[in-house]
Amino acid sequence: MSSIIAFPSTLAAEVTKGGHHVSFEIIGKEFDQDVFKIHLFVPSGFNMADGANFGNIDLGTIAASTELLKNKEANVTDLEATAIGTALMSKLGIGGDMNVAAAQNNQSTLTYEGSSIRTFDLSFVLVASSGKEAEMIRVIEHTFRKYMYAKKEGEFALKYPPLFRIKFMKGKKVNEFMPFMFDSYLTGMATSYNNNANMFHKDGSPTDLTINLSFQEQRQLTRDDLYHVPAEGGQERPPSKVQQKFDYPAAKTGA
């Protein structure tokens, strides 16, 4: 079997004509199988979700405590409303009734805690039209499943599974109008056999196979990873015909 698989067998001809496809490249060393790149047709309805994580912090007590420590004439009610309470009043030499009802202005504000590590799914329906294609499907299925798992190293240690470098392609070039994914781990795989009919080829292979793949990028991203970020005083790169032009992120890792 070749180290590069294009399924179905007609895909290679489509690529030479500028056809759309998805490229999966396994990033790692010392594979025990000779397949390291798989090309499949682009599935319909691809979704990519971006997210940001926010928390909150109460600035009221922090700011008030700082100011009150500087102020010898602080209002007793303000002192009682802060978390430092009696200790701060004692430090400032101010007496007061600690039973005075006081409502604290927390001055809550959002805090940015980083972007969500992106996840995405890809689903493929593979239908074999020949014994050769049935064998290609078997290798594709086993390759994805094998490299989702870690490898045992010694008695206790596990070696991380390899990363997948996934690209939406138009012919032999990256399609800049589709999302760019950073190197990702395969986190889940669901396989369904013979969805269309409970039939098998003579060699026992199912007539069709549906593979649902779930991926998660290796790390959090920043704006600099996805877009051109100008130096201070500079300008953003002008957009292309339809959208802002991306720098392909994998180029930074030697792809």
C-alpha atoms as a PDB file:
ATOM      1  CA  MET A   1       0.000   0.000   0.000  1.00  0.00           C
ATOM      2  CA  SER A   2       1.297   3.464  -0.890  1.00  0.00           C
ATOM      3  CA  SER A   3       2.316   5.892   1.868  1.00  0.00           C
ATOM      4  CA  ILE A   4      -0.325   8.278   0.478  1.00  0.00           C
ATOM      5  CA  ILE A   5      -3.952   7.173   0.069  1.00  0.00           C
ATOM      6  CA  ALA A   6      -6.508   9.103  -1.977  1.00  0.00           C
ATOM      7  CA  PHE A   7     -10.064   7.812  -1.659  1.00  0.00           C
ATOM      8  CA  PRO A   8     -12.037   7.183  -3.757  1.00  0.00           C
ATOM      9  CA  SER A   9      -9.692   6.110  -6.536  1.00  0.00           C
ATOM     10  CA  THR A  10     -11.069   8.923  -8.731  1.00  0.00           C
ATOM     11  CA  LEU A  11      -9.935  11.616  -6.284  1.00  0.00           C
ATOM     12  CA  ALA A  12      -6.368  11.779  -7.606  1.00  0.00           C
ATOM     13  CA  ALA A  13      -7.653  12.756 -11.055  1.00  0.00           C
ATOM     14  CA  GLU A  14      -9.959  15.356  -9.473  1.00  0.00           C
ATOM     15  CA  VAL A  15      -7.032  16.899  -7.596  1.00  0.00           C
ATOM     16  CA  THR A  16      -5.087  17.467 -10.810  1.00  0.00           C
ATOM     17  CA  LYS A  17      -8.113  19.421 -12.099  1.00  0.00           C
ATOM     18  CA  GLY A  18      -8.233  21.618  -8.982  1.00  0.00           C
ATOM     19  CA  GLY A  19     -10.781  19.517  -7.116  1.00  0.00           C
ATOM     20  CA  HIS A  20     -11.523  20.104  -3.437  1.00  0.00           C
ATOM     21  CA  HIS A  21     -10.348  17.608  -0.825  1.00  0.00           C
ATOM     22  CA  VAL A  22      -9.147  17.271   2.763  1.00  0.00           C
ATOM     23  CA  SER A  23      -5.577  16.273   3.519  1.00  0.00           C
ATOM     24  CA  PHE A  24      -4.662  14.413   6.729  1.00  0.00           C
ATOM     25  CA  GLU A  25      -0.948  14.173   7.465  1.00  0.00           C
ATOM     26  CA  ILE A  26       0.274  12.234  10.494  1.00  0.00           C
ATOM     27  CA  ILE A  27       3.028  14.183  12.273  1.00  0.00           C
ATOM     28  CA  GLY A  28       5.515  12.000  14.106  1.00  0.00           C
ATOM     29  CA  LYS A  29       8.371   9.550  13.817  1.00  0.00           C
ATOM     30  CA  GLU A  30       8.918   5.825  13.880  1.00  0.00           C
ATOM     31  CA  PHE A  31       5.539   4.771  12.531  1.00  0.00           C
ATOM     32  CA  ASP A  32       4.970   1.037  12.393  1.00  0.00           C
ATOM     33  CA  GLN A  33       2.759   1.479   9.338  1.00  0.00           C
ATOM     34  CA  ASP A  34       3.677   3.046   6.003  1.00  0.00           C
ATOM     35  CA  VAL A  35       0.540   5.211   5.653  1.00  0.00           C
ATOM     36  CA  PHE A  36       1.127   8.776   6.783  1.00  0.00           C
ATOM     37  CA  LYS A  37      -1.097  10.909   4.515  1.00  0.00           C
ATOM     38  CA  ILE A  38      -4.752  10.431   3.582  1.00  0.00           C
ATOM     39  CA  HIS A  39      -6.791  12.491   1.105  1.00  0.00           C
ATOM     40  CA  LEU A  40     -10.602  12.428   1.160  1.00  0.00           C
ATOM     41  CA  PHE A  41     -13.395  14.441  -0.445  1.00  0.00           C
ATOM     42  CA  VAL A  42     -14.551  17.480   1.545  1.00  0.00           C
ATOM     43  CA  PRO A  43     -17.667  16.548   3.572  1.00  0.00           C
ATOM     44  CA  SER A  44     -20.665  18.870   3.505  1.00  0.00           C
ATOM     45  CA  GLY A  45     -21.644  21.059   6.427  1.00  0.00           C
ATOM     46  CA  PHE A  46     -18.263  21.554   8.124  1.00  0.00           C
ATOM     47  CA  ASN A  47     -18.454  23.604  11.346  1.00  0.00           C
ATOM     48  CA  MET A  48     -15.642  25.365  13.189  1.00  0.00           C
ATOM     49  CA  ALA A  49     -16.458  27.064  16.504  1.00  0.00           C
ATOM     50  CA  ASP A  50     -14.217  29.692  18.106  1.00  0.00           C
ATOM     51  CA  GLY A  51     -14.653  30.682  21.724  1.00  0.00           C
ATOM     52  CA  ALA A  52     -13.182  32.881  24.433  1.00  0.00           C
ATOM     53  CA  ASN A  53     -13.182  32.242  28.184  1.00  0.00           C
ATOM     54  CA  PHE A  54     -14.052  35.047  30.577  1.00  0.00           C
ATOM     55  CA  GLY A  55     -14.231  35.138  34.354  1.00  0.00           C
ATOM     56  CA  ASN A  56     -14.915  37.987  36.752  1.00  0.00           C
ATOM     57  CA  ILE A  57     -13.143  39.720  39.582  1.00  0.00           C
ATOM     58  CA  ASP A  58     -14.491  42.076  42.253  1.00  0.00           C
ATOM     59  CA  LEU A  59     -12.391  45.224  42.186  1.00  0.00           C
ATOM     60  CA  GLY A  60     -14.408  47.034  44.843  1.00  0.00           C
ATOM     61  CA  THR A  61     -12.736  45.531  47.898  1.00  0.00           C
ATOM     62  CA  ILE A  62      -9.265  45.645  46.387  1.00  0.00           C
ATOM     63  CA  ALA A  63      -9.497  49.274  45.272  1.00  0.00           C
ATOM     64  CA  ALA A  64     -11.304  50.422  48.411  1.00  0.00           C
ATOM     65  CA  SER A  65      -8.833  48.747  50.728  1.00  0.00           C
ATOM     66  CA  THR A  66      -5.914  50.396  48.952  1.00  0.00           C
ATOM     67  CA  GLU A  67      -7.476  53.839  49.174  1.00  0.00           C
ATOM     68  CA  LEU A  68      -8.604  53.434  52.766  1.00  0.00           C
ATOM     69  CA  LEU A  69      -5.109  52.510  53.851  1.00  0.00           C
ATOM     70  CA  LYS A  70      -3.991  55.906  52.545  1.00  0.00           C
ATOM     71  CA  ASN A  71      -6.882  57.843  54.093  1.00  0.00           C
ATOM     72  CA  LYS A  72      -6.795  58.723  57.794  1.00  0.00           C
ATOM     73  CA  GLU A  73     -10.297  60.250  57.559  1.00  0.00           C
ATOM     74  CA  ALA A  74     -12.021  57.240  56.020  1.00  0.00           C
ATOM     75  CA  ASN A  75     -15.748  56.847  56.507  1.00  0.00           C
ATOM     76  CA  VAL A  76     -16.573  54.154  59.086  1.00  0.00           C
ATOM     77  CA  THR A  77     -19.321  52.667  56.898  1.00  0.00           C
ATOM     78  CA  ASP A  78     -16.924  52.321  53.975  1.00  0.00           C
ATOM     79  CA  LEU A  79     -14.456  50.600  56.259  1.00  0.00           C
ATOM     80  CA  GLU A  80     -17.054  48.138  57.452  1.00  0.00           C
ATOM     81  CA  ALA A  81     -18.048  47.391  53.850  1.00  0.00           C
ATOM     82  CA  THR A  82     -14.570  46.223  52.903  1.00  0.00           C
ATOM     83  CA  ALA A  83     -13.126  42.781  53.542  1.00  0.00           C
ATOM     84  CA  ILE A  84     -10.364  44.175  55.764  1.00  0.00           C
ATOM     85  CA  GLY A  85     -12.998  45.193  58.330  1.00  0.00           C
ATOM     86  CA  THR A  86     -11.861  45.482  61.940  1.00  0.00           C
ATOM     87  CA  ALA A  87      -8.170  44.989  61.215  1.00  0.00           C
ATOM     88  CA  LEU A  88      -8.029  48.007  58.915  1.00  0.00           C
ATOM     89  CA  MET A  89     -10.068  50.167  61.309  1.00  0.00           C
ATOM     90  CA  SER A  90      -7.674  49.285  64.086  1.00  0.00           C
ATOM     91  CA  LYS A  91      -4.692  50.146  61.900  1.00  0.00           C
ATOM     92  CA  LEU A  92      -6.165  53.553  61.077  1.00  0.00           C
ATOM     93  CA  GLY A  93      -7.153  54.224  64.693  1.00  0.00           C
ATOM     94  CA  ILE A  94     -10.823  54.632  63.871  1.00  0.00           C
ATOM     95  CA  GLY A  95     -13.548  53.383  66.151  1.00  0.00           C
ATOM     96  CA  GLY A  96     -17.008  52.481  65.042  1.00  0.00           C
ATOM     97  CA  ASP A  97     -19.964  50.219  65.468  1.00  0.00           C
ATOM     98  CA  MET A  98     -19.221  47.076  63.437  1.00  0.00           C
ATOM     99  CA  ASN A  99     -22.929  46.294  63.423  1.00  0.00           C
ATOM    100  CA  VAL A 100     -23.647  49.180  61.066  1.00  0.00           C
ATOM    101  CA  ALA A 101     -25.365  47.770  57.982  1.00  0.00           C
ATOM    102  CA  ALA A 102     -23.296  48.444  54.883  1.00  0.00           C
ATOM    103  CA  ALA A 103     -23.570  47.267  51.322  1.00  0.00           C
ATOM    104  CA  GLN A 104     -20.311  46.762  49.489  1.00  0.00           C
ATOM    105  CA  ASN A 105     -19.917  47.928  45.906  1.00  0.00           C
ATOM    106  CA  ASN A 106     -17.976  45.047  44.412  1.00  0.00           C
ATOM    107  CA  GLN A 107     -17.283  46.831  41.103  1.00  0.00           C
ATOM    108  CA  SER A 108     -17.208  43.476  39.298  1.00  0.00           C
ATOM    109  CA  THR A 109     -15.445  43.357  35.945  1.00  0.00           C
ATOM    110  CA  LEU A 110     -14.727  40.690  33.379  1.00  0.00           C
ATOM    111  CA  THR A 111     -11.295  39.100  33.119  1.00  0.00           C
ATOM    112  CA  TYR A 112     -10.045  37.497  29.927  1.00  0.00           C
ATOM    113  CA  GLU A 113      -8.789  33.974  30.610  1.00  0.00           C
ATOM    114  CA  GLY A 114      -7.750  32.931  27.124  1.00  0.00           C
ATOM    115  CA  SER A 115      -9.336  31.396  24.069  1.00  0.00           C
ATOM    116  CA  SER A 116     -10.981  27.999  24.078  1.00  0.00           C
ATOM    117  CA  ILE A 117      -8.936  25.224  22.533  1.00  0.00           C
ATOM    118  CA  ARG A 118     -10.866  24.600  19.345  1.00  0.00           C
ATOM    119  CA  THR A 119     -12.542  21.303  18.539  1.00  0.00           C
ATOM    120  CA  PHE A 120     -14.087  20.192  15.274  1.00  0.00           C
ATOM    121  CA  ASP A 121     -15.637  17.113  13.665  1.00  0.00           C
ATOM    122  CA  LEU A 122     -15.343  15.610  10.212  1.00  0.00           C
ATOM    123  CA  SER A 123     -17.600  12.867   8.893  1.00  0.00           C
ATOM    124  CA  PHE A 124     -16.992  10.749   5.803  1.00  0.00           C
ATOM    125  CA  VAL A 125     -19.128   8.146   4.034  1.00  0.00           C
ATOM    126  CA  LEU A 126     -16.832   5.691   2.249  1.00  0.00           C
ATOM    127  CA  VAL A 127     -18.414   3.400  -0.354  1.00  0.00           C
ATOM    128  CA  ALA A 128     -16.192   0.848  -2.096  1.00  0.00           C
ATOM    129  CA  SER A 129     -16.739   0.192  -5.778  1.00  0.00           C
ATOM    130  CA  SER A 130     -14.083  -2.524  -5.981  1.00  0.00           C
ATOM    131  CA  GLY A 131     -12.046  -4.909  -3.875  1.00  0.00           C
ATOM    132  CA  LYS A 132      -9.100  -2.503  -4.061  1.00  0.00           C
ATOM    133  CA  GLU A 133     -11.194   0.356  -2.683  1.00  0.00           C
ATOM    134  CA  ALA A 134     -12.554  -1.915   0.073  1.00  0.00           C
ATOM    135  CA  GLU A 135      -8.950  -2.558   1.144  1.00  0.00           C
ATOM    136  CA  MET A 136      -8.209   1.179   1.034  1.00  0.00           C
ATOM    137  CA  ILE A 137     -11.186   1.814   3.323  1.00  0.00           C
ATOM    138  CA  ARG A 138      -9.910  -0.809   5.760  1.00  0.00           C
ATOM    139  CA  VAL A 139      -6.478   0.832   5.882  1.00  0.00           C
ATOM    140  CA  ILE A 140      -7.988   4.324   6.313  1.00  0.00           C
ATOM    141  CA  GLU A 141     -10.159   3.136   9.205  1.00  0.00           C
ATOM    142  CA  HIS A 142      -7.313   1.312  10.947  1.00  0.00           C
ATOM    143  CA  THR A 143      -4.885   4.214  10.437  1.00  0.00           C
ATOM    144  CA  PHE A 144      -7.160   6.764  12.113  1.00  0.00           C
ATOM    145  CA  ARG A 145      -7.988   4.415  14.976  1.00  0.00           C
ATOM    146  CA  LYS A 146      -4.397   3.307  15.539  1.00  0.00           C
ATOM    147  CA  TYR A 147      -3.003   6.826  15.813  1.00  0.00           C
ATOM    148  CA  MET A 148      -5.742   8.022  18.145  1.00  0.00           C
ATOM    149  CA  TYR A 149      -4.221   5.815  20.833  1.00  0.00           C
ATOM    150  CA  ALA A 150      -1.003   6.269  22.795  1.00  0.00           C
ATOM    151  CA  LYS A 151       1.828   3.776  22.470  1.00  0.00           C
ATOM    152  CA  LYS A 152       3.177   1.865  25.448  1.00  0.00           C
ATOM    153  CA  GLU A 153       6.758   2.767  26.359  1.00  0.00           C
ATOM    154  CA  GLY A 154       8.170   0.382  28.967  1.00  0.00           C
ATOM    155  CA  GLU A 155       5.978  -0.912  31.773  1.00  0.00           C
ATOM    156  CA  PHE A 156       4.356   2.327  32.924  1.00  0.00           C
ATOM    157  CA  ALA A 157       5.013   5.166  30.481  1.00  0.00           C
ATOM    158  CA  LEU A 158       2.904   6.019  27.448  1.00  0.00           C
ATOM    159  CA  LYS A 159       4.085   7.871  24.377  1.00  0.00           C
ATOM    160  CA  TYR A 160       1.716  10.552  23.151  1.00  0.00           C
ATOM    161  CA  PRO A 161      -0.196   9.711  19.987  1.00  0.00           C
ATOM    162  CA  PRO A 162       0.897  11.690  16.926  1.00  0.00           C
ATOM    163  CA  LEU A 163      -0.675  14.914  15.755  1.00  0.00           C
ATOM    164  CA  PHE A 164      -2.724  15.268  12.608  1.00  0.00           C
ATOM    165  CA  ARG A 165      -2.074  18.172  10.242  1.00  0.00           C
ATOM    166  CA  ILE A 166      -5.376  18.775   8.465  1.00  0.00           C
ATOM    167  CA  LYS A 167      -5.756  21.042   5.446  1.00  0.00           C
ATOM    168  CA  PHE A 168      -8.625  21.975   3.166  1.00  0.00           C
ATOM    169  CA  MET A 169      -7.158  21.845  -0.306  1.00  0.00           C
ATOM    170  CA  LYS A 170      -8.118  23.129  -3.747  1.00  0.00           C
ATOM    171  CA  GLY A 171      -6.077  21.046  -6.116  1.00  0.00           C
ATOM    172  CA  LYS A 172      -2.547  21.080  -4.732  1.00  0.00           C
ATOM    173  CA  LYS A 173      -2.919  24.415  -2.910  1.00  0.00           C
ATOM    174  CA  VAL A 174      -4.439  25.270   0.464  1.00  0.00           C
ATOM    175  CA  ASN A 175      -7.923  26.772   0.110  1.00  0.00           C
ATOM    176  CA  GLU A 176      -7.668  30.087   1.944  1.00  0.00           C
ATOM    177  CA  PHE A 177     -11.448  30.476   2.032  1.00  0.00           C
ATOM    178  CA  MET A 178     -11.823  27.485   4.352  1.00  0.00           C
ATOM    179  CA  PRO A 179     -10.740  27.438   8.018  1.00  0.00           C
ATOM    180  CA  PHE A 180      -7.118  26.706   8.843  1.00  0.00           C
ATOM    181  CA  MET A 181      -6.591  24.188  11.605  1.00  0.00           C
ATOM    182  CA  PHE A 182      -3.481  23.915  13.738  1.00  0.00           C
ATOM    183  CA  ASP A 183      -1.974  20.502  14.359  1.00  0.00           C
ATOM    184  CA  SER A 184      -4.568  18.494  16.264  1.00  0.00           C
ATOM    185  CA  TYR A 185      -5.059  15.316  18.235  1.00  0.00           C
ATOM    186  CA  LEU A 186      -7.709  12.828  17.200  1.00  0.00           C
ATOM    187  CA  THR A 187      -9.869  12.695  20.332  1.00  0.00           C
ATOM    188  CA  GLY A 188     -12.732  10.518  19.166  1.00  0.00           C
ATOM    189  CA  MET A 189     -13.756   8.189  16.384  1.00  0.00           C
ATOM    190  CA  ALA A 190     -17.119   6.564  15.706  1.00  0.00           C
ATOM    191  CA  THR A 191     -17.476   4.039  12.903  1.00  0.00           C
ATOM    192  CA  SER A 192     -20.740   2.820  11.408  1.00  0.00           C
ATOM    193  CA  TYR A 193     -20.833  -0.171   9.071  1.00  0.00           C
ATOM    194  CA  ASN A 194     -23.376  -0.797   6.309  1.00  0.00           C
ATOM    195  CA  ASN A 195     -25.660   2.169   6.914  1.00  0.00           C
ATOM    196  CA  ASN A 196     -27.253   1.849   3.484  1.00  0.00           C
ATOM    197  CA  ALA A 197     -27.802  -1.914   3.395  1.00  0.00           C
ATOM    198  CA  ASN A 198     -26.755  -4.979   5.351  1.00  0.00           C
ATOM    199  CA  MET A 199     -24.627  -6.320   2.529  1.00  0.00           C
ATOM    200  CA  PHE A 200     -21.010  -7.436   2.208  1.00  0.00           C
ATOM    201  CA  HIS A 201     -18.523  -7.958  -0.593  1.00  0.00           C
ATOM    202  CA  LYS A 202     -17.235 -11.460  -1.304  1.00  0.00           C
ATOM    203  CA  ASP A 203     -14.152 -10.888   0.845  1.00  0.00           C
ATOM    204  CA  GLY A 204     -16.358  -9.937   3.854  1.00  0.00           C
ATOM    205  CA  SER A 205     -15.830  -6.169   3.658  1.00  0.00           C
ATOM    206  CA  PRO A 206     -18.914  -3.989   4.244  1.00  0.00           C
ATOM    207  CA  THR A 207     -20.386  -2.162   1.266  1.00  0.00           C
ATOM    208  CA  ASP A 208     -20.144   1.204   3.008  1.00  0.00           C
ATOM    209  CA  LEU A 209     -18.449   2.687   6.050  1.00  0.00           C
ATOM    210  CA  THR A 210     -19.173   5.973   7.849  1.00  0.00           C
ATOM    211  CA  ILE A 211     -16.359   7.463   9.920  1.00  0.00           C
ATOM    212  CA  ASN A 212     -16.984  10.349  12.338  1.00  0.00           C
ATOM    213  CA  LEU A 213     -13.736  11.941  13.518  1.00  0.00           C
ATOM    214  CA  SER A 214     -13.382  14.424  16.409  1.00  0.00           C
ATOM    215  CA  PHE A 215     -10.256  16.565  16.666  1.00  0.00           C
ATOM    216  CA  GLN A 216      -8.888  19.082  19.170  1.00  0.00           C
ATOM    217  CA  GLU A 217      -6.110  21.517  18.398  1.00  0.00           C
ATOM    218  CA  GLN A 218      -2.918  21.114  20.387  1.00  0.00           C
ATOM    219  CA  ARG A 219      -2.972  24.529  22.061  1.00  0.00           C
ATOM    220  CA  GLN A 220      -4.778  27.814  22.584  1.00  0.00           C
ATOM    221  CA  LEU A 221      -4.506  30.321  19.757  1.00  0.00           C
ATOM    222  CA  THR A 222      -4.039  34.080  19.707  1.00  0.00           C
ATOM    223  CA  ARG A 223      -4.871  36.638  17.059  1.00  0.00           C
ATOM    224  CA  ASP A 224      -1.241  36.552  15.948  1.00  0.00           C
ATOM    225  CA  ASP A 225      -1.598  32.856  15.096  1.00  0.00           C
ATOM    226  CA  LEU A 226      -4.540  33.346  12.761  1.00  0.00           C
ATOM    227  CA  TYR A 227      -4.120  36.827  11.326  1.00  0.00           C
ATOM    228  CA  HIS A 228      -1.455  39.289  10.311  1.00  0.00           C
ATOM    229  CA  VAL A 229      -0.883  41.571  13.320  1.00  0.00           C
ATOM    230  CA  PRO A 230       0.940  44.800  12.349  1.00  0.00           C
ATOM    231  CA  ALA A 231       3.658  46.444  14.397  1.00  0.00           C
ATOM    232  CA  GLU A 232       2.769  49.538  16.382  1.00  0.00           C
ATOM    233  CA  GLY A 233       1.690  52.281  14.007  1.00  0.00           C
ATOM    234  CA  GLY A 234       1.273  49.834  11.124  1.00  0.00           C
ATOM    235  CA  GLN A 235      -1.865  48.836   9.275  1.00  0.00           C
ATOM    236  CA  GLU A 236      -3.701  45.577   8.863  1.00  0.00           C
ATOM    237  CA  ARG A 237      -3.070  43.793   5.616  1.00  0.00           C
ATOM    238  CA  PRO A 238      -5.895  44.655   3.178  1.00  0.00           C
ATOM    239  CA  PRO A 239      -8.521  41.906   2.807  1.00  0.00           C
ATOM    240  CA  SER A 240      -8.719  39.615  -0.187  1.00  0.00           C
ATOM    241  CA  LYS A 241     -11.732  39.566  -2.507  1.00  0.00           C
ATOM    242  CA  VAL A 242     -13.983  37.886   0.018  1.00  0.00           C
ATOM    243  CA  GLN A 243     -12.274  37.833   3.400  1.00  0.00           C
ATOM    244  CA  GLN A 244      -9.133  38.711   5.301  1.00  0.00           C
ATOM    245  CA  LYS A 245      -6.247  36.643   3.982  1.00  0.00           C
ATOM    246  CA  PHE A 246      -4.823  34.172   6.453  1.00  0.00           C
ATOM    247  CA  ASP A 247      -1.246  33.105   7.002  1.00  0.00           C
ATOM    248  CA  TYR A 248      -1.323  29.317   6.954  1.00  0.00           C
ATOM    249  CA  PRO A 249      -0.346  28.498  10.565  1.00  0.00           C
ATOM    250  CA  ALA A 250       1.372  25.182   9.846  1.00  0.00           C
ATOM    251  CA  ALA A 251       3.960  27.067   7.802  1.00  0.00           C
ATOM    252  CA  LYS A 252       5.406  28.217  11.115  1.00  0.00           C
ATOM    253  CA  THR A 253       6.033  24.623  12.106  1.00  0.00           C
ATOM    254  CA  GLY A 254       7.769  23.640   8.905  1.00  0.00           C
ATOM    255  CA  ALA A 255       4.853  22.317   6.830  1.00  0.00           C
END
